[in-house]
């Protein structure tokens, strides 16, 4: 009962098996790693299943994949221009991985990968690392123009440039915390109301009657969390496109 009603227990990292230890560091396979592999397997299986036929008249499953492709492609072109399409595999992979892992985390006995800060930080650092690397590789010192807005008087630049630098450095923090915080908070709230249902139904007939409202709230919040799962995947990827645009076109 304690595990079923504890809203924090669902975030426990559980070791499944160990690969041993190297230089004092334990190499273990956890439930978090398992869910990431499951997410990748679902995405890969879905794309293989829906695109292997590629008929002129698409099936319903193929149509979903094509709509997703068009949605991400349009997002990239709108944010970065046609040149940004070279980053389509990155953006598409981020969107589908975050979306699928977010949705899987809403089901009982599944683990929410995006509610782990280390995962969202790793994704954010991956994005910012690519932005910096490509920006410097393509533009050289001109990449620094992202810190110097055009049309700003020299006197004002003394104030604006440090603000722009601080804003740039805070991007991975905001990118990771936004996804982590939303998924963590949503999962906790749903679990709290579900815990009320479990606790009240154990009290007999009166408790069962009293559990109707928490049950209704649990169902409503679960539906809302599916929307939030999709929205957070969209927000993460659209911000990724915006940051990639700075690498492609560093001038404001």
C-alpha atoms as a PDB file:
ATOM      1  CA  UNK A   1       0.000   0.000   0.000  1.00  0.00           C
ATOM      2  CA  UNK A   2       2.819   2.416   0.869  1.00  0.00           C
ATOM      3  CA  UNK A   3       4.453   1.951  -2.514  1.00  0.00           C
ATOM      4  CA  UNK A   4       1.142   2.259  -4.347  1.00  0.00           C
ATOM      5  CA  UNK A   5       0.282   5.613  -2.720  1.00  0.00           C
ATOM      6  CA  UNK A   6       3.758   7.154  -2.500  1.00  0.00           C
ATOM      7  CA  UNK A   7       3.996   9.664  -5.388  1.00  0.00           C
ATOM      8  CA  UNK A   8       7.813   9.722  -5.265  1.00  0.00           C
ATOM      9  CA  UNK A   9       8.458   5.988  -5.521  1.00  0.00           C
ATOM     10  CA  UNK A  10       7.624   6.002  -9.239  1.00  0.00           C
ATOM     11  CA  UNK A  11      10.862   7.924  -9.901  1.00  0.00           C
ATOM     12  CA  UNK A  12      13.181   5.421  -8.204  1.00  0.00           C
ATOM     13  CA  UNK A  13      16.086   4.240 -10.349  1.00  0.00           C
ATOM     14  CA  UNK A  14      16.147   0.453 -10.105  1.00  0.00           C
ATOM     15  CA  UNK A  15      19.139  -1.640 -11.142  1.00  0.00           C
ATOM     16  CA  UNK A  16      18.185  -4.504 -13.444  1.00  0.00           C
ATOM     17  CA  UNK A  17      21.642  -5.996 -13.910  1.00  0.00           C
ATOM     18  CA  UNK A  18      25.277  -4.916 -13.681  1.00  0.00           C
ATOM     19  CA  UNK A  19      28.069  -4.974 -16.260  1.00  0.00           C
ATOM     20  CA  UNK A  20      30.686  -4.767 -13.523  1.00  0.00           C
ATOM     21  CA  UNK A  21      32.921  -1.945 -12.394  1.00  0.00           C
ATOM     22  CA  UNK A  22      35.585   0.067 -14.258  1.00  0.00           C
ATOM     23  CA  UNK A  23      37.979   2.282 -12.269  1.00  0.00           C
ATOM     24  CA  UNK A  24      35.517   2.488  -9.401  1.00  0.00           C
ATOM     25  CA  UNK A  25      32.519   3.322 -11.612  1.00  0.00           C
ATOM     26  CA  UNK A  26      29.668   0.817 -11.630  1.00  0.00           C
ATOM     27  CA  UNK A  27      28.210   0.072 -15.055  1.00  0.00           C
ATOM     28  CA  UNK A  28      24.594  -0.942 -14.506  1.00  0.00           C
ATOM     29  CA  UNK A  29      21.495  -1.333 -16.661  1.00  0.00           C
ATOM     30  CA  UNK A  30      18.530   0.385 -14.985  1.00  0.00           C
ATOM     31  CA  UNK A  31      14.809   0.778 -15.524  1.00  0.00           C
ATOM     32  CA  UNK A  32      15.557   4.210 -16.987  1.00  0.00           C
ATOM     33  CA  UNK A  33      17.871   2.728 -19.610  1.00  0.00           C
ATOM     34  CA  UNK A  34      15.298   0.021 -20.335  1.00  0.00           C
ATOM     35  CA  UNK A  35      12.554   2.582 -20.980  1.00  0.00           C
ATOM     36  CA  UNK A  36      14.832   4.557 -23.297  1.00  0.00           C
ATOM     37  CA  UNK A  37      15.513   1.395 -25.293  1.00  0.00           C
ATOM     38  CA  UNK A  38      11.794   0.603 -25.345  1.00  0.00           C
ATOM     39  CA  UNK A  39      11.051   4.115 -26.653  1.00  0.00           C
ATOM     40  CA  UNK A  40      13.649   3.766 -29.409  1.00  0.00           C
ATOM     41  CA  UNK A  41      12.341   0.293 -30.291  1.00  0.00           C
ATOM     42  CA  UNK A  42       8.744   1.564 -30.553  1.00  0.00           C
ATOM     43  CA  UNK A  43       9.776   4.496 -32.761  1.00  0.00           C
ATOM     44  CA  UNK A  44      11.958   2.325 -34.996  1.00  0.00           C
ATOM     45  CA  UNK A  45       9.330  -0.394 -35.273  1.00  0.00           C
ATOM     46  CA  UNK A  46       6.594   2.113 -36.071  1.00  0.00           C
ATOM     47  CA  UNK A  47       8.602   3.817 -38.822  1.00  0.00           C
ATOM     48  CA  UNK A  48       9.700   0.527 -40.369  1.00  0.00           C
ATOM     49  CA  UNK A  49       6.145  -0.835 -40.273  1.00  0.00           C
ATOM     50  CA  UNK A  50       4.487   2.274 -41.726  1.00  0.00           C
ATOM     51  CA  UNK A  51       7.018   3.193 -44.416  1.00  0.00           C
ATOM     52  CA  UNK A  52       8.130  -0.124 -45.858  1.00  0.00           C
ATOM     53  CA  UNK A  53       5.233  -0.182 -48.346  1.00  0.00           C
ATOM     54  CA  UNK A  54       5.199   3.525 -49.260  1.00  0.00           C
ATOM     55  CA  UNK A  55       2.173   3.232 -51.516  1.00  0.00           C
ATOM     56  CA  UNK A  56       0.946   6.098 -53.677  1.00  0.00           C
ATOM     57  CA  UNK A  57      -2.265   5.959 -51.681  1.00  0.00           C
ATOM     58  CA  UNK A  58      -0.984   5.877 -48.100  1.00  0.00           C
ATOM     59  CA  UNK A  59      -2.552   3.689 -45.465  1.00  0.00           C
ATOM     60  CA  UNK A  60      -3.718   5.225 -42.201  1.00  0.00           C
ATOM     61  CA  UNK A  61      -0.528   4.200 -40.438  1.00  0.00           C
ATOM     62  CA  UNK A  62       1.648   5.533 -43.249  1.00  0.00           C
ATOM     63  CA  UNK A  63      -0.352   8.758 -43.215  1.00  0.00           C
ATOM     64  CA  UNK A  64       0.467   9.309 -39.530  1.00  0.00           C
ATOM     65  CA  UNK A  65       4.183   8.953 -40.257  1.00  0.00           C
ATOM     66  CA  UNK A  66       3.955  11.286 -43.243  1.00  0.00           C
ATOM     67  CA  UNK A  67       2.050  13.887 -41.202  1.00  0.00           C
ATOM     68  CA  UNK A  68       4.714  13.696 -38.492  1.00  0.00           C
ATOM     69  CA  UNK A  69       7.441  14.076 -41.111  1.00  0.00           C
ATOM     70  CA  UNK A  70       5.698  17.070 -42.662  1.00  0.00           C
ATOM     71  CA  UNK A  71       5.067  18.642 -39.257  1.00  0.00           C
ATOM     72  CA  UNK A  72       8.738  18.493 -38.252  1.00  0.00           C
ATOM     73  CA  UNK A  73       9.965  19.543 -41.704  1.00  0.00           C
ATOM     74  CA  UNK A  74       7.656  22.567 -41.681  1.00  0.00           C
ATOM     75  CA  UNK A  75       8.814  23.460 -38.163  1.00  0.00           C
ATOM     76  CA  UNK A  76      12.455  23.432 -39.263  1.00  0.00           C
ATOM     77  CA  UNK A  77      11.872  25.417 -42.475  1.00  0.00           C
ATOM     78  CA  UNK A  78       9.810  28.017 -40.619  1.00  0.00           C
ATOM     79  CA  UNK A  79      12.399  28.474 -37.877  1.00  0.00           C
ATOM     80  CA  UNK A  80      15.685  28.095 -39.747  1.00  0.00           C
ATOM     81  CA  UNK A  81      14.975  28.161 -43.485  1.00  0.00           C
ATOM     82  CA  UNK A  82      15.750  25.433 -46.005  1.00  0.00           C
ATOM     83  CA  UNK A  83      19.367  25.250 -44.810  1.00  0.00           C
ATOM     84  CA  UNK A  84      18.162  23.915 -41.488  1.00  0.00           C
ATOM     85  CA  UNK A  85      16.813  20.724 -43.097  1.00  0.00           C
ATOM     86  CA  UNK A  86      20.255  19.167 -42.651  1.00  0.00           C
ATOM     87  CA  UNK A  87      19.293  18.941 -38.963  1.00  0.00           C
ATOM     88  CA  UNK A  88      16.027  17.113 -39.705  1.00  0.00           C
ATOM     89  CA  UNK A  89      17.275  13.737 -38.346  1.00  0.00           C
ATOM     90  CA  UNK A  90      18.244  15.413 -35.056  1.00  0.00           C
ATOM     91  CA  UNK A  91      15.010  17.343 -34.598  1.00  0.00           C
ATOM     92  CA  UNK A  92      12.804  14.427 -35.701  1.00  0.00           C
ATOM     93  CA  UNK A  93      14.626  12.049 -33.339  1.00  0.00           C
ATOM     94  CA  UNK A  94      14.297  14.464 -30.410  1.00  0.00           C
ATOM     95  CA  UNK A  95      10.593  15.033 -31.011  1.00  0.00           C
ATOM     96  CA  UNK A  96       9.649  11.376 -31.381  1.00  0.00           C
ATOM     97  CA  UNK A  97      11.868  10.213 -28.495  1.00  0.00           C
ATOM     98  CA  UNK A  98      10.526  12.813 -26.057  1.00  0.00           C
ATOM     99  CA  UNK A  99       6.938  12.287 -27.189  1.00  0.00           C
ATOM    100  CA  UNK A 100       7.015   8.493 -26.917  1.00  0.00           C
ATOM    101  CA  UNK A 101       8.928   8.449 -23.614  1.00  0.00           C
ATOM    102  CA  UNK A 102       6.551  11.056 -22.152  1.00  0.00           C
ATOM    103  CA  UNK A 103       3.489   9.032 -23.144  1.00  0.00           C
ATOM    104  CA  UNK A 104       4.940   5.723 -21.939  1.00  0.00           C
ATOM    105  CA  UNK A 105       5.599   7.274 -18.543  1.00  0.00           C
ATOM    106  CA  UNK A 106       1.858   7.865 -18.092  1.00  0.00           C
ATOM    107  CA  UNK A 107       1.024   4.165 -18.082  1.00  0.00           C
ATOM    108  CA  UNK A 108       1.061   2.108 -14.864  1.00  0.00           C
ATOM    109  CA  UNK A 109       4.277   0.191 -14.157  1.00  0.00           C
ATOM    110  CA  UNK A 110       6.158   2.197 -16.792  1.00  0.00           C
ATOM    111  CA  UNK A 111       8.964   4.605 -16.004  1.00  0.00           C
ATOM    112  CA  UNK A 112       8.944   8.280 -16.971  1.00  0.00           C
ATOM    113  CA  UNK A 113      12.377   8.931 -18.525  1.00  0.00           C
ATOM    114  CA  UNK A 114      11.799  12.660 -18.976  1.00  0.00           C
ATOM    115  CA  UNK A 115      11.083  13.068 -15.263  1.00  0.00           C
ATOM    116  CA  UNK A 116      14.788  12.352 -14.632  1.00  0.00           C
ATOM    117  CA  UNK A 117      16.854  15.540 -14.640  1.00  0.00           C
ATOM    118  CA  UNK A 118      19.993  13.769 -15.865  1.00  0.00           C
ATOM    119  CA  UNK A 119      18.155  12.696 -19.037  1.00  0.00           C
ATOM    120  CA  UNK A 120      16.734  16.130 -19.854  1.00  0.00           C
ATOM    121  CA  UNK A 121      20.083  17.796 -19.097  1.00  0.00           C
ATOM    122  CA  UNK A 122      21.842  15.344 -21.425  1.00  0.00           C
ATOM    123  CA  UNK A 123      19.373  16.143 -24.229  1.00  0.00           C
ATOM    124  CA  UNK A 124      19.770  19.900 -23.654  1.00  0.00           C
ATOM    125  CA  UNK A 125      23.572  19.683 -23.614  1.00  0.00           C
ATOM    126  CA  UNK A 126      23.466  17.624 -26.820  1.00  0.00           C
ATOM    127  CA  UNK A 127      21.447  20.362 -28.533  1.00  0.00           C
ATOM    128  CA  UNK A 128      23.613  23.222 -27.286  1.00  0.00           C
ATOM    129  CA  UNK A 129      26.809  21.311 -28.082  1.00  0.00           C
ATOM    130  CA  UNK A 130      25.676  20.875 -31.697  1.00  0.00           C
ATOM    131  CA  UNK A 131      24.615  24.543 -31.878  1.00  0.00           C
ATOM    132  CA  UNK A 132      28.009  25.776 -30.677  1.00  0.00           C
ATOM    133  CA  UNK A 133      30.029  23.322 -32.756  1.00  0.00           C
ATOM    134  CA  UNK A 134      28.151  23.991 -35.986  1.00  0.00           C
ATOM    135  CA  UNK A 135      27.986  27.736 -35.343  1.00  0.00           C
ATOM    136  CA  UNK A 136      31.749  28.002 -34.875  1.00  0.00           C
ATOM    137  CA  UNK A 137      32.523  25.565 -37.719  1.00  0.00           C
ATOM    138  CA  UNK A 138      30.299  27.374 -40.219  1.00  0.00           C
ATOM    139  CA  UNK A 139      30.758  31.005 -39.168  1.00  0.00           C
ATOM    140  CA  UNK A 140      34.018  31.181 -37.250  1.00  0.00           C
ATOM    141  CA  UNK A 141      34.234  34.331 -35.143  1.00  0.00           C
ATOM    142  CA  UNK A 142      31.073  35.641 -36.835  1.00  0.00           C
ATOM    143  CA  UNK A 143      29.174  33.228 -34.581  1.00  0.00           C
ATOM    144  CA  UNK A 144      29.781  35.732 -31.784  1.00  0.00           C
ATOM    145  CA  UNK A 145      27.303  38.034 -33.516  1.00  0.00           C
ATOM    146  CA  UNK A 146      24.561  36.265 -31.568  1.00  0.00           C
ATOM    147  CA  UNK A 147      25.781  38.254 -28.551  1.00  0.00           C
ATOM    148  CA  UNK A 148      25.770  41.573 -30.402  1.00  0.00           C
ATOM    149  CA  UNK A 149      22.296  42.607 -31.595  1.00  0.00           C
ATOM    150  CA  UNK A 150      22.397  44.761 -34.715  1.00  0.00           C
ATOM    151  CA  UNK A 151      21.414  48.418 -34.529  1.00  0.00           C
ATOM    152  CA  UNK A 152      22.313  48.810 -30.854  1.00  0.00           C
ATOM    153  CA  UNK A 153      24.410  51.871 -29.893  1.00  0.00           C
ATOM    154  CA  UNK A 154      27.931  51.125 -28.638  1.00  0.00           C
ATOM    155  CA  UNK A 155      27.198  52.527 -25.185  1.00  0.00           C
ATOM    156  CA  UNK A 156      24.207  50.236 -24.760  1.00  0.00           C
ATOM    157  CA  UNK A 157      26.191  47.188 -25.966  1.00  0.00           C
ATOM    158  CA  UNK A 158      28.182  47.285 -22.733  1.00  0.00           C
ATOM    159  CA  UNK A 159      24.969  46.317 -20.953  1.00  0.00           C
ATOM    160  CA  UNK A 160      23.345  44.205 -23.671  1.00  0.00           C
ATOM    161  CA  UNK A 161      26.281  41.876 -24.466  1.00  0.00           C
ATOM    162  CA  UNK A 162      26.620  40.451 -20.913  1.00  0.00           C
ATOM    163  CA  UNK A 163      22.857  39.920 -20.843  1.00  0.00           C
ATOM    164  CA  UNK A 164      22.982  38.072 -24.178  1.00  0.00           C
ATOM    165  CA  UNK A 165      25.882  35.905 -22.971  1.00  0.00           C
ATOM    166  CA  UNK A 166      24.026  35.057 -19.762  1.00  0.00           C
ATOM    167  CA  UNK A 167      20.872  34.297 -21.751  1.00  0.00           C
ATOM    168  CA  UNK A 168      22.806  31.949 -24.046  1.00  0.00           C
ATOM    169  CA  UNK A 169      24.441  30.115 -21.150  1.00  0.00           C
ATOM    170  CA  UNK A 170      21.081  29.662 -19.441  1.00  0.00           C
ATOM    171  CA  UNK A 171      19.535  27.973 -22.490  1.00  0.00           C
ATOM    172  CA  UNK A 172      20.472  24.380 -21.576  1.00  0.00           C
ATOM    173  CA  UNK A 173      19.262  25.015 -18.027  1.00  0.00           C
ATOM    174  CA  UNK A 174      15.854  26.321 -19.101  1.00  0.00           C
ATOM    175  CA  UNK A 175      15.521  23.709 -21.852  1.00  0.00           C
ATOM    176  CA  UNK A 176      16.140  20.823 -19.473  1.00  0.00           C
ATOM    177  CA  UNK A 177      14.265  22.167 -16.427  1.00  0.00           C
ATOM    178  CA  UNK A 178      11.122  22.974 -18.427  1.00  0.00           C
ATOM    179  CA  UNK A 179      10.728  19.402 -19.671  1.00  0.00           C
ATOM    180  CA  UNK A 180      11.812  17.848 -16.380  1.00  0.00           C
ATOM    181  CA  UNK A 181       9.604  20.065 -14.202  1.00  0.00           C
ATOM    182  CA  UNK A 182       6.438  19.648 -16.236  1.00  0.00           C
ATOM    183  CA  UNK A 183       6.660  15.885 -16.496  1.00  0.00           C
ATOM    184  CA  UNK A 184       7.712  15.449 -12.861  1.00  0.00           C
ATOM    185  CA  UNK A 185       4.950  17.667 -11.480  1.00  0.00           C
ATOM    186  CA  UNK A 186       2.279  16.102 -13.681  1.00  0.00           C
ATOM    187  CA  UNK A 187       3.233  12.563 -12.689  1.00  0.00           C
ATOM    188  CA  UNK A 188       3.230  13.473  -8.984  1.00  0.00           C
ATOM    189  CA  UNK A 189      -0.205  15.135  -9.120  1.00  0.00           C
ATOM    190  CA  UNK A 190      -1.760  12.178 -10.945  1.00  0.00           C
ATOM    191  CA  UNK A 191      -0.183   9.758  -8.464  1.00  0.00           C
ATOM    192  CA  UNK A 192      -1.445  11.772  -5.480  1.00  0.00           C
ATOM    193  CA  UNK A 193      -5.065  11.626  -6.648  1.00  0.00           C
ATOM    194  CA  UNK A 194      -4.701   7.965  -7.588  1.00  0.00           C
ATOM    195  CA  UNK A 195      -3.336   7.372  -4.081  1.00  0.00           C
ATOM    196  CA  UNK A 196      -6.452   8.992  -2.628  1.00  0.00           C
ATOM    197  CA  UNK A 197      -8.566   6.519  -4.601  1.00  0.00           C
ATOM    198  CA  UNK A 198      -6.593   3.534  -3.280  1.00  0.00           C
ATOM    199  CA  UNK A 199      -6.689   4.781   0.323  1.00  0.00           C
ATOM    200  CA  UNK A 200     -10.386   5.634   0.320  1.00  0.00           C
ATOM    201  CA  UNK A 201     -11.556   2.393  -1.294  1.00  0.00           C
ATOM    202  CA  UNK A 202      -9.792   0.487   1.497  1.00  0.00           C
ATOM    203  CA  UNK A 203     -12.174   2.137   4.008  1.00  0.00           C
ATOM    204  CA  UNK A 204     -15.291   0.341   2.841  1.00  0.00           C
ATOM    205  CA  UNK A 205     -18.539   1.615   1.312  1.00  0.00           C
ATOM    206  CA  UNK A 206     -18.208   5.188   2.589  1.00  0.00           C
ATOM    207  CA  UNK A 207     -14.659   5.345   1.310  1.00  0.00           C
ATOM    208  CA  UNK A 208     -15.709   4.013  -2.098  1.00  0.00           C
ATOM    209  CA  UNK A 209     -18.336   6.754  -2.397  1.00  0.00           C
ATOM    210  CA  UNK A 210     -15.778   9.340  -1.314  1.00  0.00           C
ATOM    211  CA  UNK A 211     -13.300   8.030  -3.905  1.00  0.00           C
ATOM    212  CA  UNK A 212     -15.552   9.028  -6.809  1.00  0.00           C
ATOM    213  CA  UNK A 213     -14.252  12.609  -6.922  1.00  0.00           C
ATOM    214  CA  UNK A 214     -10.521  11.700  -6.707  1.00  0.00           C
ATOM    215  CA  UNK A 215     -11.119   9.030  -9.385  1.00  0.00           C
ATOM    216  CA  UNK A 216     -12.724  11.603 -11.674  1.00  0.00           C
ATOM    217  CA  UNK A 217      -9.816  13.985 -11.053  1.00  0.00           C
ATOM    218  CA  UNK A 218      -7.325  11.195 -11.793  1.00  0.00           C
ATOM    219  CA  UNK A 219      -8.979  10.446 -15.133  1.00  0.00           C
ATOM    220  CA  UNK A 220      -9.179  14.147 -16.054  1.00  0.00           C
ATOM    221  CA  UNK A 221      -5.572  14.833 -15.059  1.00  0.00           C
ATOM    222  CA  UNK A 222      -4.362  11.771 -16.955  1.00  0.00           C
ATOM    223  CA  UNK A 223      -6.041  13.090 -20.095  1.00  0.00           C
ATOM    224  CA  UNK A 224      -4.441  16.477 -19.492  1.00  0.00           C
ATOM    225  CA  UNK A 225      -1.039  14.838 -19.054  1.00  0.00           C
ATOM    226  CA  UNK A 226      -1.285  13.239 -22.494  1.00  0.00           C
ATOM    227  CA  UNK A 227      -1.739  16.750 -23.882  1.00  0.00           C
ATOM    228  CA  UNK A 228       1.174  18.045 -21.802  1.00  0.00           C
ATOM    229  CA  UNK A 229       3.353  15.144 -23.016  1.00  0.00           C
ATOM    230  CA  UNK A 230       2.812  16.177 -26.637  1.00  0.00           C
ATOM    231  CA  UNK A 231       3.125  19.886 -25.850  1.00  0.00           C
ATOM    232  CA  UNK A 232       6.449  19.472 -24.055  1.00  0.00           C
ATOM    233  CA  UNK A 233       7.866  17.456 -26.960  1.00  0.00           C
ATOM    234  CA  UNK A 234       6.803  20.280 -29.282  1.00  0.00           C
ATOM    235  CA  UNK A 235       8.247  23.022 -27.056  1.00  0.00           C
ATOM    236  CA  UNK A 236      11.594  21.255 -26.717  1.00  0.00           C
ATOM    237  CA  UNK A 237      11.938  20.744 -30.472  1.00  0.00           C
ATOM    238  CA  UNK A 238      10.740  24.221 -31.500  1.00  0.00           C
ATOM    239  CA  UNK A 239      13.283  25.772 -29.123  1.00  0.00           C
ATOM    240  CA  UNK A 240      15.908  23.455 -30.598  1.00  0.00           C
ATOM    241  CA  UNK A 241      15.058  24.855 -34.038  1.00  0.00           C
ATOM    242  CA  UNK A 242      15.307  28.420 -32.732  1.00  0.00           C
ATOM    243  CA  UNK A 243      18.743  27.720 -31.255  1.00  0.00           C
ATOM    244  CA  UNK A 244      19.887  26.007 -34.458  1.00  0.00           C
ATOM    245  CA  UNK A 245      18.833  29.108 -36.358  1.00  0.00           C
ATOM    246  CA  UNK A 246      21.356  31.091 -34.288  1.00  0.00           C
ATOM    247  CA  UNK A 247      24.061  28.707 -35.435  1.00  0.00           C
ATOM    248  CA  UNK A 248      23.007  28.955 -39.085  1.00  0.00           C
ATOM    249  CA  UNK A 249      22.251  32.704 -39.095  1.00  0.00           C
ATOM    250  CA  UNK A 250      24.139  34.215 -36.132  1.00  0.00           C
ATOM    251  CA  UNK A 251      23.202  37.809 -36.949  1.00  0.00           C
ATOM    252  CA  UNK A 252      20.107  39.150 -35.164  1.00  0.00           C
END
